[in-house]
């Protein structure tokens, strides 16, 4: 099986810790490693270098080579322009076909954390076996939810249809892309919906066939080398929300997975106890709970009094204060900032 790790994002939801010049997946915030290095290390224990590919943008190619020096240079796939994941996954599929590749393919991400990587690789191998048996489908990995996270997609499972001795397999019953907080609470309470980490296994030819069927305008632009004009849309919107329910199944996992893709998700990853604070730098808290307070200025004290569920990030050129449930708006805020002439802060 071939595995593609996507590492071209800017990480705008983690602003101001993540910037265009230094996106989150390359920052060694966690245990001396970047999340890209962790992502490669997880699969490298089971799969060979020839099976691992990294998709990124030209501006980040050098740092990918520096952080993953053993990766064959031909296994770096470059996206000529940022057009979101709908076109990016299509481009990757077409590039792999040009290399004469076929068969099972896993789509992975470079910016996640995981407590139990052995569970993850076991699920990948289970998905590979399922695709080998029936190539014309998607196999999604669904993660046991720990709270009503409204910054993720959610997968709803139907009836159980099998087991390989380790994992249960379920029919794919529905998809919710970043539902409202109220909807997330209902999904969590229902018991049959799970976090969508975005990992899936499929057959390369089937994936490209689905692009031709469900997103022909994207397939046409990408295949004709007109990538810059491809519709900028998320893969979930372009493909997954349109797939036939019978052409997908779900493997339920408990990988200890988290996506520090927002500042509150970062806080949750570092301190699973919801009432705990996560602080870094010169910070003093009093009667404060469930906050992330990150201070990068060594000569300045950040003091927090009576706060509950807030995000405070102080860097040398920007100060962010946000309610934890509203960090999803940071991306839109940055767009507005750029439109108003404040590009230097992005």
C-alpha atoms as a PDB file:
ATOM      1  CA  UNK A   1       0.000   0.000   0.000  1.00  0.00           C
ATOM      2  CA  UNK A   2       1.138   3.537  -0.778  1.00  0.00           C
ATOM      3  CA  UNK A   3       0.708   6.242   1.845  1.00  0.00           C
ATOM      4  CA  UNK A   4       0.529   9.974   1.113  1.00  0.00           C
ATOM      5  CA  UNK A   5       1.086  12.408   3.991  1.00  0.00           C
ATOM      6  CA  UNK A   6      -0.253  15.890   3.234  1.00  0.00           C
ATOM      7  CA  UNK A   7       2.000  18.626   4.608  1.00  0.00           C
ATOM      8  CA  UNK A   8       1.225  21.764   2.607  1.00  0.00           C
ATOM      9  CA  UNK A   9      -1.184  23.608   4.877  1.00  0.00           C
ATOM     10  CA  UNK A  10      -0.565  26.977   6.487  1.00  0.00           C
ATOM     11  CA  UNK A  11      -2.262  26.185   9.776  1.00  0.00           C
ATOM     12  CA  UNK A  12      -4.225  29.415   9.919  1.00  0.00           C
ATOM     13  CA  UNK A  13      -6.457  28.111  12.712  1.00  0.00           C
ATOM     14  CA  UNK A  14      -3.370  28.000  14.956  1.00  0.00           C
ATOM     15  CA  UNK A  15      -2.505  31.656  14.353  1.00  0.00           C
ATOM     16  CA  UNK A  16      -0.504  33.437  15.699  1.00  0.00           C
ATOM     17  CA  UNK A  17       1.598  30.400  16.670  1.00  0.00           C
ATOM     18  CA  UNK A  18       1.449  29.168  13.055  1.00  0.00           C
ATOM     19  CA  UNK A  19       2.328  31.554  10.221  1.00  0.00           C
ATOM     20  CA  UNK A  20       2.661  31.217   6.454  1.00  0.00           C
ATOM     21  CA  UNK A  21       6.457  31.266   6.787  1.00  0.00           C
ATOM     22  CA  UNK A  22       6.465  28.712   9.622  1.00  0.00           C
ATOM     23  CA  UNK A  23       3.358  26.482   9.551  1.00  0.00           C
ATOM     24  CA  UNK A  24       2.430  24.238  12.441  1.00  0.00           C
ATOM     25  CA  UNK A  25       3.378  20.864  10.930  1.00  0.00           C
ATOM     26  CA  UNK A  26       7.080  21.813  10.918  1.00  0.00           C
ATOM     27  CA  UNK A  27       7.231  23.375  14.385  1.00  0.00           C
ATOM     28  CA  UNK A  28       8.887  21.157  16.989  1.00  0.00           C
ATOM     29  CA  UNK A  29       6.359  22.035  19.689  1.00  0.00           C
ATOM     30  CA  UNK A  30       5.874  18.453  20.846  1.00  0.00           C
ATOM     31  CA  UNK A  31       8.586  16.344  22.490  1.00  0.00           C
ATOM     32  CA  UNK A  32      11.335  17.755  20.269  1.00  0.00           C
ATOM     33  CA  UNK A  33       9.678  16.569  17.053  1.00  0.00           C
ATOM     34  CA  UNK A  34       7.441  18.215  14.501  1.00  0.00           C
ATOM     35  CA  UNK A  35       4.096  16.615  13.796  1.00  0.00           C
ATOM     36  CA  UNK A  36       5.387  15.836  10.285  1.00  0.00           C
ATOM     37  CA  UNK A  37       8.282  13.888  11.771  1.00  0.00           C
ATOM     38  CA  UNK A  38       5.849  12.076  14.065  1.00  0.00           C
ATOM     39  CA  UNK A  39       3.533  11.243  11.157  1.00  0.00           C
ATOM     40  CA  UNK A  40       6.378   9.665   9.199  1.00  0.00           C
ATOM     41  CA  UNK A  41       7.735   7.836  12.242  1.00  0.00           C
ATOM     42  CA  UNK A  42       4.338   6.226  12.911  1.00  0.00           C
ATOM     43  CA  UNK A  43       4.081   4.611   9.482  1.00  0.00           C
ATOM     44  CA  UNK A  44       7.807   4.056   8.939  1.00  0.00           C
ATOM     45  CA  UNK A  45       7.694   1.330  11.603  1.00  0.00           C
ATOM     46  CA  UNK A  46       5.496  -0.776   9.299  1.00  0.00           C
ATOM     47  CA  UNK A  47       5.905   0.543   5.738  1.00  0.00           C
ATOM     48  CA  UNK A  48       9.052   1.097   3.678  1.00  0.00           C
ATOM     49  CA  UNK A  49      10.422   4.377   2.371  1.00  0.00           C
ATOM     50  CA  UNK A  50       9.361   3.484  -1.166  1.00  0.00           C
ATOM     51  CA  UNK A  51       5.725   3.354   0.021  1.00  0.00           C
ATOM     52  CA  UNK A  52       5.691   6.762   1.745  1.00  0.00           C
ATOM     53  CA  UNK A  53       4.992  10.010  -0.136  1.00  0.00           C
ATOM     54  CA  UNK A  54       4.703  13.567   1.146  1.00  0.00           C
ATOM     55  CA  UNK A  55       2.564  16.169  -0.602  1.00  0.00           C
ATOM     56  CA  UNK A  56       3.483  19.801   0.046  1.00  0.00           C
ATOM     57  CA  UNK A  57       4.001  23.144  -1.720  1.00  0.00           C
ATOM     58  CA  UNK A  58       7.260  24.403  -3.266  1.00  0.00           C
ATOM     59  CA  UNK A  59       7.843  26.871  -0.417  1.00  0.00           C
ATOM     60  CA  UNK A  60       8.043  23.978   2.061  1.00  0.00           C
ATOM     61  CA  UNK A  61      10.001  21.461  -0.031  1.00  0.00           C
ATOM     62  CA  UNK A  62      13.334  22.383   1.568  1.00  0.00           C
ATOM     63  CA  UNK A  63      12.098  21.936   5.118  1.00  0.00           C
ATOM     64  CA  UNK A  64      10.475  18.591   4.218  1.00  0.00           C
ATOM     65  CA  UNK A  65      13.837  17.416   2.898  1.00  0.00           C
ATOM     66  CA  UNK A  66      15.579  18.661   6.046  1.00  0.00           C
ATOM     67  CA  UNK A  67      13.154  17.018   8.456  1.00  0.00           C
ATOM     68  CA  UNK A  68      12.701  13.755   6.499  1.00  0.00           C
ATOM     69  CA  UNK A  69      16.157  13.266   4.917  1.00  0.00           C
ATOM     70  CA  UNK A  70      15.663   9.538   4.188  1.00  0.00           C
ATOM     71  CA  UNK A  71      12.585  10.085   2.029  1.00  0.00           C
ATOM     72  CA  UNK A  72      13.383   9.543  -1.690  1.00  0.00           C
ATOM     73  CA  UNK A  73      13.302  12.898  -3.454  1.00  0.00           C
ATOM     74  CA  UNK A  74      10.916  11.522  -6.080  1.00  0.00           C
ATOM     75  CA  UNK A  75       8.440  10.771  -3.282  1.00  0.00           C
ATOM     76  CA  UNK A  76       7.779  14.477  -2.682  1.00  0.00           C
ATOM     77  CA  UNK A  77       4.700  15.647  -4.601  1.00  0.00           C
ATOM     78  CA  UNK A  78       4.453  19.409  -5.065  1.00  0.00           C
ATOM     79  CA  UNK A  79       1.186  21.295  -5.343  1.00  0.00           C
ATOM     80  CA  UNK A  80       1.735  24.243  -7.736  1.00  0.00           C
ATOM     81  CA  UNK A  81      -0.782  26.467  -5.925  1.00  0.00           C
ATOM     82  CA  UNK A  82      -2.978  26.227  -2.844  1.00  0.00           C
ATOM     83  CA  UNK A  83      -6.444  25.150  -3.979  1.00  0.00           C
ATOM     84  CA  UNK A  84      -7.619  23.282  -0.859  1.00  0.00           C
ATOM     85  CA  UNK A  85      -7.787  19.527  -0.462  1.00  0.00           C
ATOM     86  CA  UNK A  86     -10.318  18.760  -3.185  1.00  0.00           C
ATOM     87  CA  UNK A  87      -7.874  19.520  -6.009  1.00  0.00           C
ATOM     88  CA  UNK A  88      -4.848  18.488  -3.902  1.00  0.00           C
ATOM     89  CA  UNK A  89      -5.987  14.877  -3.456  1.00  0.00           C
ATOM     90  CA  UNK A  90      -6.871  14.658  -7.150  1.00  0.00           C
ATOM     91  CA  UNK A  91      -3.429  15.985  -8.096  1.00  0.00           C
ATOM     92  CA  UNK A  92      -1.755  13.424  -5.856  1.00  0.00           C
ATOM     93  CA  UNK A  93      -3.746  10.587  -7.388  1.00  0.00           C
ATOM     94  CA  UNK A  94      -2.811  11.648 -10.916  1.00  0.00           C
ATOM     95  CA  UNK A  95       0.854  12.051  -9.993  1.00  0.00           C
ATOM     96  CA  UNK A  96       0.937   8.544  -8.531  1.00  0.00           C
ATOM     97  CA  UNK A  97      -0.658   7.167 -11.710  1.00  0.00           C
ATOM     98  CA  UNK A  98       2.110   8.824 -13.741  1.00  0.00           C
ATOM     99  CA  UNK A  99       4.582   6.827 -11.662  1.00  0.00           C
ATOM    100  CA  UNK A 100       2.846   3.599 -12.657  1.00  0.00           C
ATOM    101  CA  UNK A 101       1.304   3.070  -9.223  1.00  0.00           C
ATOM    102  CA  UNK A 102      -1.988   1.297  -8.623  1.00  0.00           C
ATOM    103  CA  UNK A 103      -3.745  -0.545  -5.816  1.00  0.00           C
ATOM    104  CA  UNK A 104      -4.495   0.450  -2.204  1.00  0.00           C
ATOM    105  CA  UNK A 105      -3.764   4.026  -1.160  1.00  0.00           C
ATOM    106  CA  UNK A 106      -3.932   5.674   2.270  1.00  0.00           C
ATOM    107  CA  UNK A 107      -4.467   9.429   2.645  1.00  0.00           C
ATOM    108  CA  UNK A 108      -2.864  10.775   5.833  1.00  0.00           C
ATOM    109  CA  UNK A 109      -2.098  14.142   7.433  1.00  0.00           C
ATOM    110  CA  UNK A 110       1.060  15.727   8.833  1.00  0.00           C
ATOM    111  CA  UNK A 111      -0.369  17.765  11.705  1.00  0.00           C
ATOM    112  CA  UNK A 112      -1.912  15.255  14.119  1.00  0.00           C
ATOM    113  CA  UNK A 113      -0.973  13.719  17.469  1.00  0.00           C
ATOM    114  CA  UNK A 114      -1.569  10.130  18.535  1.00  0.00           C
ATOM    115  CA  UNK A 115      -1.116   8.304  21.853  1.00  0.00           C
ATOM    116  CA  UNK A 116      -1.409   4.781  20.422  1.00  0.00           C
ATOM    117  CA  UNK A 117       0.290   4.654  16.996  1.00  0.00           C
ATOM    118  CA  UNK A 118       0.244   0.836  16.930  1.00  0.00           C
ATOM    119  CA  UNK A 119      -3.566   1.020  16.865  1.00  0.00           C
ATOM    120  CA  UNK A 120      -3.292   3.374  13.900  1.00  0.00           C
ATOM    121  CA  UNK A 121      -0.978   1.190  11.824  1.00  0.00           C
ATOM    122  CA  UNK A 122      -3.091  -1.883  12.629  1.00  0.00           C
ATOM    123  CA  UNK A 123      -6.150  -0.016  11.324  1.00  0.00           C
ATOM    124  CA  UNK A 124      -4.265   0.950   8.149  1.00  0.00           C
ATOM    125  CA  UNK A 125      -3.367  -2.688   7.519  1.00  0.00           C
ATOM    126  CA  UNK A 126      -6.984  -3.714   8.144  1.00  0.00           C
ATOM    127  CA  UNK A 127      -8.131  -1.091   5.661  1.00  0.00           C
ATOM    128  CA  UNK A 128      -5.593  -2.266   3.094  1.00  0.00           C
ATOM    129  CA  UNK A 129      -6.938  -5.823   3.357  1.00  0.00           C
ATOM    130  CA  UNK A 130     -10.511  -4.620   2.922  1.00  0.00           C
ATOM    131  CA  UNK A 131      -9.599  -2.653  -0.215  1.00  0.00           C
ATOM    132  CA  UNK A 132      -7.713  -5.617  -1.644  1.00  0.00           C
ATOM    133  CA  UNK A 133     -10.881  -7.678  -1.251  1.00  0.00           C
ATOM    134  CA  UNK A 134     -13.163  -5.004  -2.742  1.00  0.00           C
ATOM    135  CA  UNK A 135     -11.366  -2.083  -4.424  1.00  0.00           C
ATOM    136  CA  UNK A 136     -14.394   0.051  -5.323  1.00  0.00           C
ATOM    137  CA  UNK A 137     -14.976   1.669  -1.943  1.00  0.00           C
ATOM    138  CA  UNK A 138     -13.585   3.955   0.737  1.00  0.00           C
ATOM    139  CA  UNK A 139     -12.562   2.744   4.187  1.00  0.00           C
ATOM    140  CA  UNK A 140     -12.723   5.533   6.770  1.00  0.00           C
ATOM    141  CA  UNK A 141     -11.023   5.473  10.146  1.00  0.00           C
ATOM    142  CA  UNK A 142     -13.299   6.889  12.852  1.00  0.00           C
ATOM    143  CA  UNK A 143     -11.958   7.874  16.260  1.00  0.00           C
ATOM    144  CA  UNK A 144     -13.699   7.495  19.610  1.00  0.00           C
ATOM    145  CA  UNK A 145     -14.797  11.048  20.545  1.00  0.00           C
ATOM    146  CA  UNK A 146     -13.743  12.574  23.853  1.00  0.00           C
ATOM    147  CA  UNK A 147     -15.880  15.722  23.679  1.00  0.00           C
ATOM    148  CA  UNK A 148     -18.293  17.547  21.357  1.00  0.00           C
ATOM    149  CA  UNK A 149     -15.658  18.972  19.009  1.00  0.00           C
ATOM    150  CA  UNK A 150     -17.240  21.330  16.459  1.00  0.00           C
ATOM    151  CA  UNK A 151     -14.023  21.888  14.522  1.00  0.00           C
ATOM    152  CA  UNK A 152     -13.958  18.359  13.088  1.00  0.00           C
ATOM    153  CA  UNK A 153     -15.988  16.276  10.722  1.00  0.00           C
ATOM    154  CA  UNK A 154     -18.067  13.505  12.283  1.00  0.00           C
ATOM    155  CA  UNK A 155     -18.809  10.050  10.882  1.00  0.00           C
ATOM    156  CA  UNK A 156     -22.042   8.234  11.699  1.00  0.00           C
ATOM    157  CA  UNK A 157     -21.891   4.439  11.730  1.00  0.00           C
ATOM    158  CA  UNK A 158     -24.635   2.106  10.602  1.00  0.00           C
ATOM    159  CA  UNK A 159     -24.944  -1.608  11.415  1.00  0.00           C
ATOM    160  CA  UNK A 160     -21.881  -3.676  12.215  1.00  0.00           C
ATOM    161  CA  UNK A 161     -20.968  -5.787   9.192  1.00  0.00           C
ATOM    162  CA  UNK A 162     -17.753  -7.541  10.180  1.00  0.00           C
ATOM    163  CA  UNK A 163     -14.693  -7.964  12.353  1.00  0.00           C
ATOM    164  CA  UNK A 164     -11.108  -8.959  11.604  1.00  0.00           C
ATOM    165  CA  UNK A 165     -10.333 -10.139  15.117  1.00  0.00           C
ATOM    166  CA  UNK A 166      -9.245  -6.679  16.252  1.00  0.00           C
ATOM    167  CA  UNK A 167     -11.522  -4.084  14.680  1.00  0.00           C
ATOM    168  CA  UNK A 168     -15.248  -3.922  14.069  1.00  0.00           C
ATOM    169  CA  UNK A 169     -16.373  -2.746  10.630  1.00  0.00           C
ATOM    170  CA  UNK A 170     -19.562  -0.730  10.169  1.00  0.00           C
ATOM    171  CA  UNK A 171     -21.646   0.571   7.324  1.00  0.00           C
ATOM    172  CA  UNK A 172     -21.115   4.219   6.517  1.00  0.00           C
ATOM    173  CA  UNK A 173     -24.351   5.956   7.507  1.00  0.00           C
ATOM    174  CA  UNK A 174     -23.584   9.641   7.222  1.00  0.00           C
ATOM    175  CA  UNK A 175     -21.159  12.495   7.295  1.00  0.00           C
ATOM    176  CA  UNK A 176     -21.196  15.841   9.098  1.00  0.00           C
ATOM    177  CA  UNK A 177     -18.567  18.421   8.199  1.00  0.00           C
ATOM    178  CA  UNK A 178     -17.870  20.756  11.142  1.00  0.00           C
ATOM    179  CA  UNK A 179     -21.385  20.690  12.626  1.00  0.00           C
ATOM    180  CA  UNK A 180     -22.639  23.325  15.048  1.00  0.00           C
ATOM    181  CA  UNK A 181     -21.789  22.945  18.754  1.00  0.00           C
ATOM    182  CA  UNK A 182     -25.403  21.936  19.423  1.00  0.00           C
ATOM    183  CA  UNK A 183     -25.268  19.275  16.697  1.00  0.00           C
ATOM    184  CA  UNK A 184     -21.936  18.005  18.028  1.00  0.00           C
ATOM    185  CA  UNK A 185     -23.449  17.553  21.480  1.00  0.00           C
ATOM    186  CA  UNK A 186     -26.306  15.568  19.959  1.00  0.00           C
ATOM    187  CA  UNK A 187     -23.899  13.407  17.932  1.00  0.00           C
ATOM    188  CA  UNK A 188     -21.806  12.695  21.005  1.00  0.00           C
ATOM    189  CA  UNK A 189     -24.854  11.762  23.045  1.00  0.00           C
ATOM    190  CA  UNK A 190     -26.219   9.516  20.284  1.00  0.00           C
ATOM    191  CA  UNK A 191     -23.342   7.054  20.614  1.00  0.00           C
ATOM    192  CA  UNK A 192     -23.104   6.042  16.953  1.00  0.00           C
ATOM    193  CA  UNK A 193     -21.145   9.037  15.650  1.00  0.00           C
ATOM    194  CA  UNK A 194     -17.399   9.444  15.880  1.00  0.00           C
ATOM    195  CA  UNK A 195     -14.679  11.938  15.103  1.00  0.00           C
ATOM    196  CA  UNK A 196     -13.393  11.946  11.554  1.00  0.00           C
ATOM    197  CA  UNK A 197      -9.580  12.187  11.632  1.00  0.00           C
ATOM    198  CA  UNK A 198      -9.608  12.465   7.837  1.00  0.00           C
ATOM    199  CA  UNK A 199      -7.729   9.212   7.304  1.00  0.00           C
ATOM    200  CA  UNK A 200      -9.034   6.884   4.645  1.00  0.00           C
ATOM    201  CA  UNK A 201      -7.907   3.971   2.508  1.00  0.00           C
ATOM    202  CA  UNK A 202      -9.129   3.366  -1.021  1.00  0.00           C
ATOM    203  CA  UNK A 203      -8.000   2.074  -4.386  1.00  0.00           C
ATOM    204  CA  UNK A 204      -6.152   4.621  -6.520  1.00  0.00           C
ATOM    205  CA  UNK A 205      -8.143   3.913  -9.684  1.00  0.00           C
ATOM    206  CA  UNK A 206     -11.425   4.020  -7.772  1.00  0.00           C
ATOM    207  CA  UNK A 207     -10.457   7.372  -6.254  1.00  0.00           C
ATOM    208  CA  UNK A 208      -9.818   8.886  -9.666  1.00  0.00           C
ATOM    209  CA  UNK A 209     -13.033   7.370 -11.018  1.00  0.00           C
ATOM    210  CA  UNK A 210     -14.927   9.073  -8.178  1.00  0.00           C
ATOM    211  CA  UNK A 211     -13.363  12.399  -9.152  1.00  0.00           C
ATOM    212  CA  UNK A 212     -14.533  11.904 -12.737  1.00  0.00           C
ATOM    213  CA  UNK A 213     -18.030  11.059 -11.490  1.00  0.00           C
ATOM    214  CA  UNK A 214     -18.513  13.422  -8.553  1.00  0.00           C
ATOM    215  CA  UNK A 215     -16.164  16.342  -9.246  1.00  0.00           C
ATOM    216  CA  UNK A 216     -15.587  16.367 -13.029  1.00  0.00           C
ATOM    217  CA  UNK A 217     -14.737  20.066 -13.085  1.00  0.00           C
ATOM    218  CA  UNK A 218     -11.864  19.499 -10.629  1.00  0.00           C
ATOM    219  CA  UNK A 219     -10.634  16.406 -12.471  1.00  0.00           C
ATOM    220  CA  UNK A 220     -10.650  18.262 -15.788  1.00  0.00           C
ATOM    221  CA  UNK A 221      -8.695  21.264 -14.497  1.00  0.00           C
ATOM    222  CA  UNK A 222      -6.117  19.166 -12.655  1.00  0.00           C
ATOM    223  CA  UNK A 223      -5.606  16.615 -15.427  1.00  0.00           C
ATOM    224  CA  UNK A 224      -5.169  19.405 -18.010  1.00  0.00           C
ATOM    225  CA  UNK A 225      -2.483  21.170 -15.953  1.00  0.00           C
ATOM    226  CA  UNK A 226      -4.797  24.072 -15.152  1.00  0.00           C
ATOM    227  CA  UNK A 227      -4.457  23.524 -11.414  1.00  0.00           C
ATOM    228  CA  UNK A 228      -4.464  27.214 -10.481  1.00  0.00           C
ATOM    229  CA  UNK A 229      -8.028  27.508 -11.787  1.00  0.00           C
ATOM    230  CA  UNK A 230      -9.398  24.380 -10.126  1.00  0.00           C
ATOM    231  CA  UNK A 231     -12.262  24.932  -7.709  1.00  0.00           C
ATOM    232  CA  UNK A 232     -10.855  25.595  -4.226  1.00  0.00           C
ATOM    233  CA  UNK A 233     -12.935  23.223  -2.120  1.00  0.00           C
ATOM    234  CA  UNK A 234     -12.313  20.749   0.683  1.00  0.00           C
ATOM    235  CA  UNK A 235     -12.084  17.061  -0.236  1.00  0.00           C
ATOM    236  CA  UNK A 236     -14.986  16.282   2.094  1.00  0.00           C
ATOM    237  CA  UNK A 237     -17.228  18.701   0.201  1.00  0.00           C
ATOM    238  CA  UNK A 238     -15.984  17.715  -3.247  1.00  0.00           C
ATOM    239  CA  UNK A 239     -16.114  13.931  -2.846  1.00  0.00           C
ATOM    240  CA  UNK A 240     -16.965  12.379   0.508  1.00  0.00           C
ATOM    241  CA  UNK A 241     -20.314  14.076   1.066  1.00  0.00           C
ATOM    242  CA  UNK A 242     -21.427  12.783  -2.343  1.00  0.00           C
ATOM    243  CA  UNK A 243     -20.284   9.147  -2.197  1.00  0.00           C
ATOM    244  CA  UNK A 244     -22.805   6.342  -2.227  1.00  0.00           C
ATOM    245  CA  UNK A 245     -23.290   5.032   1.303  1.00  0.00           C
ATOM    246  CA  UNK A 246     -22.849   1.487   0.031  1.00  0.00           C
ATOM    247  CA  UNK A 247     -19.400   2.306  -1.350  1.00  0.00           C
ATOM    248  CA  UNK A 248     -17.876   3.073   2.047  1.00  0.00           C
ATOM    249  CA  UNK A 249     -17.407   1.478   5.436  1.00  0.00           C
ATOM    250  CA  UNK A 250     -15.977   2.578   8.747  1.00  0.00           C
ATOM    251  CA  UNK A 251     -13.332   1.122  11.051  1.00  0.00           C
ATOM    252  CA  UNK A 252     -13.828   2.355  14.601  1.00  0.00           C
ATOM    253  CA  UNK A 253     -10.564   3.110  16.401  1.00  0.00           C
ATOM    254  CA  UNK A 254      -9.291   4.391  19.729  1.00  0.00           C
ATOM    255  CA  UNK A 255      -5.882   5.747  18.734  1.00  0.00           C
ATOM    256  CA  UNK A 256      -5.736   8.531  21.285  1.00  0.00           C
ATOM    257  CA  UNK A 257      -5.871  10.826  18.271  1.00  0.00           C
ATOM    258  CA  UNK A 258      -6.054  14.600  18.393  1.00  0.00           C
ATOM    259  CA  UNK A 259      -5.780  17.361  15.854  1.00  0.00           C
ATOM    260  CA  UNK A 260      -4.017  20.396  17.333  1.00  0.00           C
ATOM    261  CA  UNK A 261      -5.392  22.277  14.349  1.00  0.00           C
ATOM    262  CA  UNK A 262      -7.051  24.904  16.501  1.00  0.00           C
ATOM    263  CA  UNK A 263      -5.705  26.538  19.601  1.00  0.00           C
ATOM    264  CA  UNK A 264      -8.309  24.880  21.813  1.00  0.00           C
ATOM    265  CA  UNK A 265      -7.616  21.490  20.226  1.00  0.00           C
ATOM    266  CA  UNK A 266      -3.959  22.105  21.038  1.00  0.00           C
ATOM    267  CA  UNK A 267      -4.934  22.770  24.634  1.00  0.00           C
ATOM    268  CA  UNK A 268      -7.049  19.605  24.732  1.00  0.00           C
ATOM    269  CA  UNK A 269      -4.181  17.552  23.307  1.00  0.00           C
ATOM    270  CA  UNK A 270      -1.736  18.794  25.928  1.00  0.00           C
ATOM    271  CA  UNK A 271      -4.152  18.597  28.883  1.00  0.00           C
ATOM    272  CA  UNK A 272      -7.009  16.090  28.454  1.00  0.00           C
ATOM    273  CA  UNK A 273      -8.551  17.273  31.742  1.00  0.00           C
ATOM    274  CA  UNK A 274     -11.041  19.929  30.544  1.00  0.00           C
ATOM    275  CA  UNK A 275     -10.654  22.055  33.672  1.00  0.00           C
ATOM    276  CA  UNK A 276      -6.852  22.237  33.447  1.00  0.00           C
ATOM    277  CA  UNK A 277      -4.958  25.186  32.040  1.00  0.00           C
ATOM    278  CA  UNK A 278      -2.095  24.930  29.567  1.00  0.00           C
ATOM    279  CA  UNK A 279       0.434  27.725  30.034  1.00  0.00           C
ATOM    280  CA  UNK A 280       3.779  28.490  28.458  1.00  0.00           C
ATOM    281  CA  UNK A 281       6.179  31.310  29.131  1.00  0.00           C
ATOM    282  CA  UNK A 282       5.899  33.959  31.818  1.00  0.00           C
ATOM    283  CA  UNK A 283       2.282  33.400  32.869  1.00  0.00           C
ATOM    284  CA  UNK A 284       0.464  33.746  36.194  1.00  0.00           C
ATOM    285  CA  UNK A 285      -3.093  32.504  36.675  1.00  0.00           C
ATOM    286  CA  UNK A 286      -5.574  33.081  39.492  1.00  0.00           C
ATOM    287  CA  UNK A 287      -9.065  31.581  39.697  1.00  0.00           C
ATOM    288  CA  UNK A 288      -8.705  30.576  36.053  1.00  0.00           C
ATOM    289  CA  UNK A 289      -9.581  27.263  34.373  1.00  0.00           C
ATOM    290  CA  UNK A 290      -9.831  25.573  30.971  1.00  0.00           C
ATOM    291  CA  UNK A 291      -7.554  28.111  29.280  1.00  0.00           C
ATOM    292  CA  UNK A 292      -4.583  28.076  26.931  1.00  0.00           C
ATOM    293  CA  UNK A 293      -2.235  30.947  27.733  1.00  0.00           C
ATOM    294  CA  UNK A 294       0.926  31.102  25.630  1.00  0.00           C
ATOM    295  CA  UNK A 295       3.383  33.971  26.131  1.00  0.00           C
ATOM    296  CA  UNK A 296       6.456  34.281  23.890  1.00  0.00           C
ATOM    297  CA  UNK A 297       7.751  37.544  25.366  1.00  0.00           C
ATOM    298  CA  UNK A 298      10.329  36.748  28.037  1.00  0.00           C
ATOM    299  CA  UNK A 299      10.314  40.205  29.613  1.00  0.00           C
ATOM    300  CA  UNK A 300       6.530  40.456  29.915  1.00  0.00           C
ATOM    301  CA  UNK A 301       4.205  38.770  32.399  1.00  0.00           C
ATOM    302  CA  UNK A 302       0.766  37.670  31.224  1.00  0.00           C
ATOM    303  CA  UNK A 303      -1.592  37.481  34.211  1.00  0.00           C
ATOM    304  CA  UNK A 304      -5.033  35.871  33.970  1.00  0.00           C
ATOM    305  CA  UNK A 305      -7.721  36.428  36.594  1.00  0.00           C
ATOM    306  CA  UNK A 306     -11.109  34.737  36.685  1.00  0.00           C
ATOM    307  CA  UNK A 307     -10.956  33.374  33.134  1.00  0.00           C
ATOM    308  CA  UNK A 308     -12.848  30.294  31.962  1.00  0.00           C
ATOM    309  CA  UNK A 309     -12.489  28.746  28.515  1.00  0.00           C
ATOM    310  CA  UNK A 310     -10.361  31.436  26.886  1.00  0.00           C
ATOM    311  CA  UNK A 311      -7.375  31.339  24.536  1.00  0.00           C
ATOM    312  CA  UNK A 312      -4.643  33.938  25.023  1.00  0.00           C
ATOM    313  CA  UNK A 313      -1.579  33.906  22.764  1.00  0.00           C
ATOM    314  CA  UNK A 314       1.004  36.675  23.025  1.00  0.00           C
ATOM    315  CA  UNK A 315       3.813  36.812  20.445  1.00  0.00           C
ATOM    316  CA  UNK A 316       6.311  39.552  19.664  1.00  0.00           C
ATOM    317  CA  UNK A 317       4.016  41.100  17.027  1.00  0.00           C
ATOM    318  CA  UNK A 318       0.490  39.904  17.795  1.00  0.00           C
ATOM    319  CA  UNK A 319      -1.827  39.271  20.730  1.00  0.00           C
ATOM    320  CA  UNK A 320      -4.855  36.990  20.333  1.00  0.00           C
ATOM    321  CA  UNK A 321      -7.713  36.630  22.808  1.00  0.00           C
ATOM    322  CA  UNK A 322     -10.533  34.262  21.864  1.00  0.00           C
ATOM    323  CA  UNK A 323     -13.359  32.287  23.419  1.00  0.00           C
ATOM    324  CA  UNK A 324     -12.581  28.575  23.067  1.00  0.00           C
ATOM    325  CA  UNK A 325     -15.746  27.808  21.066  1.00  0.00           C
ATOM    326  CA  UNK A 326     -15.010  30.605  18.588  1.00  0.00           C
ATOM    327  CA  UNK A 327     -11.441  29.713  17.564  1.00  0.00           C
ATOM    328  CA  UNK A 328     -12.921  28.305  14.346  1.00  0.00           C
ATOM    329  CA  UNK A 329     -13.397  31.938  13.256  1.00  0.00           C
ATOM    330  CA  UNK A 330      -9.650  32.677  13.225  1.00  0.00           C
ATOM    331  CA  UNK A 331      -9.292  31.673   9.565  1.00  0.00           C
ATOM    332  CA  UNK A 332     -12.051  34.085   8.537  1.00  0.00           C
ATOM    333  CA  UNK A 333     -10.517  36.784  10.716  1.00  0.00           C
ATOM    334  CA  UNK A 334      -7.162  36.402   8.935  1.00  0.00           C
ATOM    335  CA  UNK A 335      -8.850  36.788   5.552  1.00  0.00           C
ATOM    336  CA  UNK A 336     -10.401  40.035   6.748  1.00  0.00           C
ATOM    337  CA  UNK A 337      -7.071  41.205   8.175  1.00  0.00           C
ATOM    338  CA  UNK A 338      -5.377  40.627   4.814  1.00  0.00           C
ATOM    339  CA  UNK A 339      -8.165  42.434   2.998  1.00  0.00           C
ATOM    340  CA  UNK A 340      -7.580  45.414   5.274  1.00  0.00           C
ATOM    341  CA  UNK A 341      -3.850  45.566   4.600  1.00  0.00           C
ATOM    342  CA  UNK A 342      -2.414  43.670   7.558  1.00  0.00           C
ATOM    343  CA  UNK A 343      -0.706  40.874   5.561  1.00  0.00           C
ATOM    344  CA  UNK A 344       2.558  41.222   7.525  1.00  0.00           C
ATOM    345  CA  UNK A 345       0.913  39.611  10.557  1.00  0.00           C
ATOM    346  CA  UNK A 346      -0.152  36.457   8.723  1.00  0.00           C
END
